[in-house]
Protein backbone atom coordinates (compact mmCIF):
# COMPACT_ATOMS: atom_id res chain seq x y z
CA MET A 1 0.00 0.00 0.00
CA ARG A 2 2.84 2.42 0.81
CA ILE A 3 4.37 1.90 -2.63
CA SER A 4 1.06 2.48 -4.41
CA LEU A 5 0.33 5.65 -2.42
CA LEU A 6 3.81 7.03 -3.17
CA SER A 7 3.47 6.22 -6.85
CA PHE A 8 0.09 7.91 -6.94
CA ALA A 9 1.51 11.04 -5.28
CA CYS A 10 4.37 11.20 -7.78
CA LEU A 11 1.94 10.85 -10.67
CA LEU A 12 -0.22 13.65 -9.29
CA ALA A 13 2.80 15.86 -8.81
CA SER A 14 4.13 15.36 -12.34
CA THR A 15 0.69 15.85 -13.88
CA SER A 16 -0.04 19.04 -11.94
CA ILE A 17 3.33 20.61 -12.69
CA SER A 18 2.91 19.78 -16.36
CA LEU A 19 -0.56 21.32 -16.42
CA ALA A 20 0.73 24.41 -14.65
CA ASP A 21 3.42 24.84 -17.31
CA GLU A 22 1.13 24.34 -20.30
CA ALA A 23 -2.06 26.17 -19.26
CA SER A 24 -2.74 29.84 -18.60
CA PHE A 25 -3.97 30.49 -15.04
CA ASP A 26 -4.74 34.15 -14.64
CA ASP A 27 -7.41 35.02 -12.09
CA GLY A 28 -7.32 32.12 -9.59
CA ARG A 29 -11.11 31.88 -9.48
CA PHE A 30 -11.24 28.06 -9.54
CA THR A 31 -9.37 25.47 -7.47
CA PHE A 32 -9.37 21.72 -8.04
CA GLY A 33 -7.70 19.18 -5.80
CA GLY A 34 -7.23 15.44 -5.55
CA SER A 35 -5.85 13.39 -2.69
CA VAL A 36 -5.38 9.89 -1.37
CA GLY A 37 -5.10 8.89 2.27
CA LEU A 38 -6.05 6.54 5.07
CA MET A 39 -9.14 6.62 7.26
CA ASN A 40 -10.53 4.88 10.34
CA ILE A 41 -14.31 4.52 10.56
CA ASN A 42 -16.31 3.56 13.66
CA ALA A 43 -20.04 3.21 14.20
CA THR A 44 -22.23 1.86 16.99
CA GLU A 45 -25.66 0.27 16.74
CA HIS A 46 -27.84 0.04 19.85
CA VAL A 47 -31.08 -1.70 20.85
CA TYR A 48 -32.85 -0.81 24.11
CA LEU A 49 -35.50 -2.33 26.35
CA GLY A 50 -36.76 0.78 28.08
CA ALA A 51 -33.75 2.35 29.81
CA ASP A 52 -31.71 -0.89 29.66
CA LYS A 53 -29.31 -2.01 26.95
CA ALA A 54 -30.54 -5.02 25.00
CA SER A 55 -27.90 -5.10 22.24
CA LEU A 56 -24.82 -3.20 21.09
CA LEU A 57 -22.90 -3.76 17.86
CA GLU A 58 -19.54 -2.06 17.37
CA TRP A 59 -18.47 -1.72 13.74
CA GLU A 60 -15.04 -0.50 12.66
CA SER A 61 -12.68 -0.37 9.72
CA LYS A 62 -9.04 0.70 10.07
CA GLY A 63 -6.69 1.70 7.28
CA VAL A 64 -9.45 2.42 4.76
CA VAL A 65 -7.97 3.84 1.54
CA LEU A 66 -9.59 7.24 1.06
CA TYR A 67 -9.85 9.02 -2.30
CA SER A 68 -10.95 12.66 -2.23
CA ALA A 69 -11.73 15.33 -4.80
CA THR A 70 -12.44 19.00 -4.14
CA ALA A 71 -13.62 21.83 -6.37
CA ALA A 72 -13.94 25.45 -5.25
CA ALA A 73 -15.04 28.64 -6.99
CA LEU A 74 -14.44 32.23 -5.94
CA LEU A 75 -17.80 33.93 -6.56
CA THR A 76 -16.71 37.40 -5.40
CA PRO A 77 -13.62 38.60 -3.51
CA GLU A 78 -15.44 37.66 -0.27
CA TRP A 79 -17.74 34.76 -1.21
CA SER A 80 -16.75 31.25 -2.32
CA LEU A 81 -18.38 27.88 -2.97
CA LYS A 82 -16.76 24.49 -2.38
CA ALA A 83 -17.76 20.88 -3.02
CA THR A 84 -15.97 17.76 -1.77
CA VAL A 85 -16.41 14.05 -2.50
CA ASP A 86 -14.80 11.24 -0.47
CA ILE A 87 -14.79 7.53 -1.35
CA GLY A 88 -13.36 4.85 0.97
CA THR A 89 -12.42 1.28 0.07
CA ASN A 90 -10.96 -1.83 1.68
CA GLY A 91 -9.47 -1.54 5.17
CA ASP A 92 -9.20 -3.94 8.10
CA GLY A 93 -12.71 -4.47 9.51
CA HIS A 94 -13.99 -5.87 12.78
CA MET A 95 -17.39 -6.25 14.46
CA VAL A 96 -18.45 -7.22 17.99
CA ASP A 97 -22.10 -7.94 18.83
CA TYR A 98 -23.10 -7.80 22.52
CA ASP A 99 -26.49 -8.80 23.97
CA TRP A 100 -27.98 -8.37 27.43
CA VAL A 101 -30.72 -11.05 27.61
CA PRO A 102 -32.92 -10.66 30.73
CA GLY A 103 -32.31 -13.46 33.20
CA PHE A 104 -28.82 -14.20 31.86
CA TYR A 105 -26.80 -11.00 31.81
CA ILE A 106 -24.56 -10.20 34.77
CA ASP A 107 -25.16 -6.44 34.80
CA GLN A 108 -25.61 -3.54 32.38
CA SER A 109 -21.89 -2.77 32.10
CA MET A 110 -19.89 -3.60 28.97
CA ASP A 111 -18.47 -6.65 30.77
CA GLY A 112 -21.86 -7.84 31.99
CA TRP A 113 -23.23 -9.16 28.68
CA SER A 114 -25.02 -12.48 28.32
CA ASP A 115 -24.20 -13.10 24.63
CA ARG A 116 -21.30 -11.98 22.49
CA SER A 117 -20.18 -12.75 18.95
CA ILE A 118 -17.01 -11.52 17.25
CA SER A 119 -16.54 -11.29 13.48
CA PRO A 120 -12.94 -10.52 12.47
CA ASP A 121 -13.94 -10.98 8.83
CA THR A 122 -15.93 -7.74 8.56
CA ARG A 123 -15.71 -5.95 5.23
CA LEU A 124 -16.46 -2.36 4.30
CA ALA A 125 -19.07 -2.63 1.54
CA HIS A 126 -18.90 1.08 0.76
CA TYR A 127 -18.14 4.50 2.18
CA PHE A 128 -19.21 7.71 0.45
CA ALA A 129 -19.39 11.28 1.69
CA GLY A 130 -20.21 14.44 -0.22
CA SER A 131 -20.48 18.02 0.98
CA ILE A 132 -21.19 21.47 -0.38
CA GLU A 133 -20.58 24.72 1.49
CA ILE A 134 -20.67 28.44 0.93
CA ALA A 135 -18.14 30.64 2.74
CA ARG A 136 -17.60 34.33 3.35
CA GLN A 137 -14.25 35.87 4.14
CA VAL A 138 -14.56 38.22 7.12
CA TYR A 139 -10.90 39.21 7.52
CA SER A 140 -7.78 39.11 5.38
CA ASP A 141 -4.38 40.73 5.07
CA ASP A 142 -1.22 39.90 3.14
CA SER A 143 -0.71 36.56 4.91
CA ASN A 144 -3.80 35.73 7.04
CA SER A 145 -7.48 35.11 6.43
CA LEU A 146 -10.55 34.18 8.46
CA GLY A 147 -13.93 33.09 7.17
CA ILE A 148 -17.30 31.68 8.13
CA ASN A 149 -19.16 28.94 6.28
CA ALA A 150 -22.37 26.95 6.16
CA GLY A 151 -23.31 23.84 4.25
CA PHE A 152 -24.67 20.34 3.95
CA LYS A 153 -22.94 16.96 4.11
CA TYR A 154 -24.24 13.46 3.36
CA SER A 155 -22.44 10.26 4.38
CA ASP A 156 -23.32 6.65 3.55
CA VAL A 157 -21.45 3.68 5.03
CA LYS A 158 -22.12 -0.05 5.03
CA TRP A 159 -20.42 -3.14 6.45
CA ASN A 160 -20.89 -6.91 5.95
CA SER A 161 -19.70 -9.39 8.58
CA TYR A 162 -18.89 -13.03 7.83
CA GLY A 163 -18.56 -15.93 10.26
CA GLY A 164 -16.79 -15.56 13.59
CA THR A 165 -17.10 -17.03 17.07
CA TYR A 166 -19.75 -16.73 19.75
CA ILE A 167 -20.44 -17.15 23.45
CA TYR A 168 -24.18 -17.42 24.14
CA SER A 169 -26.33 -18.05 27.18
CA ASP A 170 -28.57 -21.10 26.70
CA GLN A 171 -29.33 -22.89 29.97
CA ALA A 172 -26.99 -20.72 32.03
CA THR A 173 -24.96 -17.55 31.57
CA ARG A 174 -22.32 -17.97 28.83
CA ASP A 175 -22.64 -21.75 28.68
CA ASP A 176 -22.76 -22.10 24.86
CA ILE A 177 -19.49 -21.54 22.97
CA GLY A 178 -19.10 -22.12 19.25
CA VAL A 179 -18.28 -20.98 15.73
CA LEU A 180 -20.63 -19.09 13.44
CA PRO A 181 -21.26 -20.25 9.84
CA ASP A 182 -18.77 -18.87 7.30
CA GLY A 183 -21.34 -17.02 5.19
CA LEU A 184 -22.80 -13.53 5.48
CA GLY A 185 -24.06 -13.00 9.01
CA ILE A 186 -24.96 -9.34 9.52
CA SER A 187 -25.10 -6.25 7.30
CA TYR A 188 -25.30 -2.74 8.69
CA ARG A 189 -25.74 0.57 6.88
CA GLN A 190 -25.93 4.18 8.07
CA LYS A 191 -27.14 7.17 6.06
CA ILE A 192 -26.25 10.50 7.66
CA PRO A 193 -27.46 13.91 6.40
CA VAL A 194 -25.86 16.87 8.24
CA ALA A 195 -26.30 20.65 8.21
CA PHE A 196 -23.38 22.65 9.60
CA VAL A 197 -21.83 26.08 10.19
CA GLY A 198 -18.19 26.79 10.92
CA LEU A 199 -15.06 28.89 10.96
CA ASP A 200 -11.93 28.47 8.86
CA GLY A 201 -8.68 30.34 8.69
CA SER A 202 -5.23 30.27 7.13
CA THR A 203 -1.81 31.82 7.49
CA GLN A 204 0.85 31.98 4.78
CA MET A 205 4.63 31.93 5.25
CA ASP A 206 6.44 32.27 1.94
CA ARG A 207 5.55 29.08 0.03
CA PHE A 208 3.93 27.38 3.03
CA THR A 209 0.28 27.78 4.00
CA LEU A 210 -1.22 26.41 7.21
CA SER A 211 -5.01 26.26 7.38
CA GLY A 212 -7.70 24.71 9.51
CA GLY A 213 -11.36 24.77 10.36
CA ALA A 214 -13.98 23.75 12.88
CA LYS A 215 -17.60 23.00 12.09
CA GLY A 216 -20.59 22.17 14.23
CA GLY A 217 -24.09 21.15 13.33
CA PHE A 218 -26.84 18.57 13.59
CA THR A 219 -27.91 15.51 11.66
CA PHE A 220 -31.39 15.29 10.28
CA GLY A 221 -31.38 11.91 12.05
CA ILE A 222 -29.21 8.91 11.22
CA GLN A 223 -31.17 6.34 9.24
CA ASP A 224 -29.80 2.82 9.53
CA ILE A 225 -30.62 -0.62 8.19
CA ASP A 226 -29.60 -3.86 9.90
CA ASN A 227 -29.94 -7.32 8.36
CA HIS A 228 -29.39 -10.37 10.56
CA TRP A 229 -29.26 -12.94 7.76
CA LEU A 230 -29.06 -16.01 9.99
CA THR A 231 -32.23 -15.12 11.92
CA GLN A 232 -34.20 -13.57 9.01
CA SER A 233 -34.51 -10.24 10.82
CA GLN A 234 -34.31 -6.75 9.30
CA THR A 235 -34.58 -3.45 11.20
CA HIS A 236 -34.97 0.12 9.96
CA ASP A 237 -34.12 2.79 12.53
CA ASP A 238 -34.73 6.55 12.49
CA MET A 239 -32.67 8.47 15.05
CA ASP A 240 -33.43 11.81 16.59
CA PRO A 241 -31.25 14.76 15.45
CA ALA A 242 -27.73 14.47 16.89
CA PRO A 243 -24.95 17.04 17.35
CA VAL A 244 -21.99 16.81 14.96
CA VAL A 245 -18.41 18.09 15.24
CA MET A 246 -16.00 18.27 12.27
CA LEU A 247 -12.37 19.42 12.51
CA ASN A 248 -9.69 19.71 9.85
CA VAL A 249 -6.11 20.96 9.50
CA GLU A 250 -3.93 21.22 6.41
CA ALA A 251 -0.37 22.21 5.49
CA ALA A 252 0.35 23.13 1.85
CA TYR A 253 3.53 23.88 -0.06
CA LYS A 254 3.36 25.84 -3.32
CA VAL A 255 5.24 23.83 -5.95
CA THR A 256 4.52 26.34 -8.71
CA GLU A 257 2.49 29.54 -8.86
CA THR A 258 -0.63 27.48 -9.59
CA ALA A 259 0.00 24.05 -8.01
CA SER A 260 0.41 23.10 -4.36
CA PHE A 261 1.21 19.86 -2.58
CA TYR A 262 -0.64 19.41 0.70
CA ILE A 263 -1.09 17.03 3.62
CA GLY A 264 -4.05 17.21 5.96
CA GLY A 265 -6.02 15.54 8.68
CA SER A 266 -9.68 15.49 9.62
CA TYR A 267 -11.95 14.28 12.40
CA GLU A 268 -15.73 13.89 12.46
CA LYS A 269 -18.04 12.73 15.23
CA VAL A 270 -21.80 12.22 15.17
CA PHE A 271 -22.87 11.85 18.78
CA HIS A 272 -25.11 9.05 20.04
CA ARG A 273 -28.85 9.55 19.84
CA ARG A 274 -31.82 7.26 20.24
CA GLY A 275 -34.70 6.75 17.83
CA ASP A 276 -37.55 4.52 16.71
CA MET A 277 -37.20 1.01 15.33
CA ARG A 278 -39.21 -0.92 12.74
CA GLN A 279 -38.38 -4.65 12.77
CA MET A 280 -39.43 -7.08 10.07
CA ASP A 281 -39.30 -10.85 9.95
CA THR A 282 -38.07 -11.36 6.38
CA ASP A 283 -39.41 -14.93 6.38
CA THR A 284 -43.03 -14.08 7.27
CA GLY A 285 -43.15 -10.36 6.47
CA ALA A 286 -44.45 -9.51 9.94
CA ILE A 287 -43.55 -5.99 11.09
CA THR A 288 -43.25 -4.70 14.65
CA ASN A 289 -42.64 -1.09 15.64
CA TYR A 290 -40.72 -0.07 18.78
CA LYS A 291 -40.69 3.48 20.12
CA ASN A 292 -37.31 4.93 21.18
CA ALA A 293 -35.69 1.46 21.07
CA ALA A 294 -32.76 2.16 18.74
CA GLY A 295 -29.52 4.14 18.98
CA ALA A 296 -26.54 4.99 16.78
CA SER A 297 -23.31 6.99 16.57
CA PHE A 298 -20.61 7.52 13.94
CA GLU A 299 -16.96 8.65 13.90
CA THR A 300 -14.13 9.03 11.38
CA MET A 301 -10.48 10.07 11.46
CA ALA A 302 -8.42 10.55 8.30
CA VAL A 303 -4.99 11.61 7.04
CA LYS A 304 -4.53 12.42 3.35
CA PHE A 305 -2.13 14.06 0.92
CA GLY A 306 -2.54 15.36 -2.59
CA LEU A 307 -2.27 18.28 -5.03
CA LYS A 308 -4.30 21.39 -5.75
CA GLY A 309 -4.33 23.43 -8.94
CA THR A 310 -5.64 26.99 -9.19
CA PHE A 311 -7.17 28.17 -12.45
């Protein structure tokens, strides 16, 4: 992976420098960037019986290869518009499924579960995120700038888990130990629409530019879909609006007057909120609705590097 990322960076660099030499870039109204990086993704899936935990699934993928593209347009000297698309693939996935079955669980702590299954073979089916934001510059001088922004982001992530091991409670607590079938066991998908506002700023030192931003907002409610293929159970959950925090930092070096190499990092967290659940038996078609019985959260952390060209 390291060799492929380095090769990709070199290709981007040579292409951007060549474009900068051959094209005429006069007003700097448009900026296009491409990057590749690595991302960690985490999500939790909850089921409740009243105030008590009934189930918790922890989904994660580490070392996801992240491809990003950004386009920005300067509408006026103060106003700008930016769009970003992120696509994640592969990565090292893992899923743990905890249950607290009444009469068998020890207590409501994370160590007090009655049933637990672990699926090391958990695969990221897809990750996509797209955002659009409008920004206004409120301060600038020869080397510093500060702006405010507002926008919308949509994320869509899905995992599939295969096989694994289990410890269940049958006649007594944790008395049944075994291996799950090798096929598809559980699929889980989250769809996350977010509205946000934020601040961003930058400072320039010769060819180097350091920039960063902080955004806060709310989801319109995580929507998730869970398929337990071995038990013919499917659930659709609609969460209440949840607070969101997004942070980013970036360091750029101007290779030419119109092309810059940059490295950056980002962090996003959608906080846990509860919501309603609709459960369907996929064998019989029977549907049962549960009020305030579901919960979900979402978190990402990424590092990426790439090139930007200004037109």
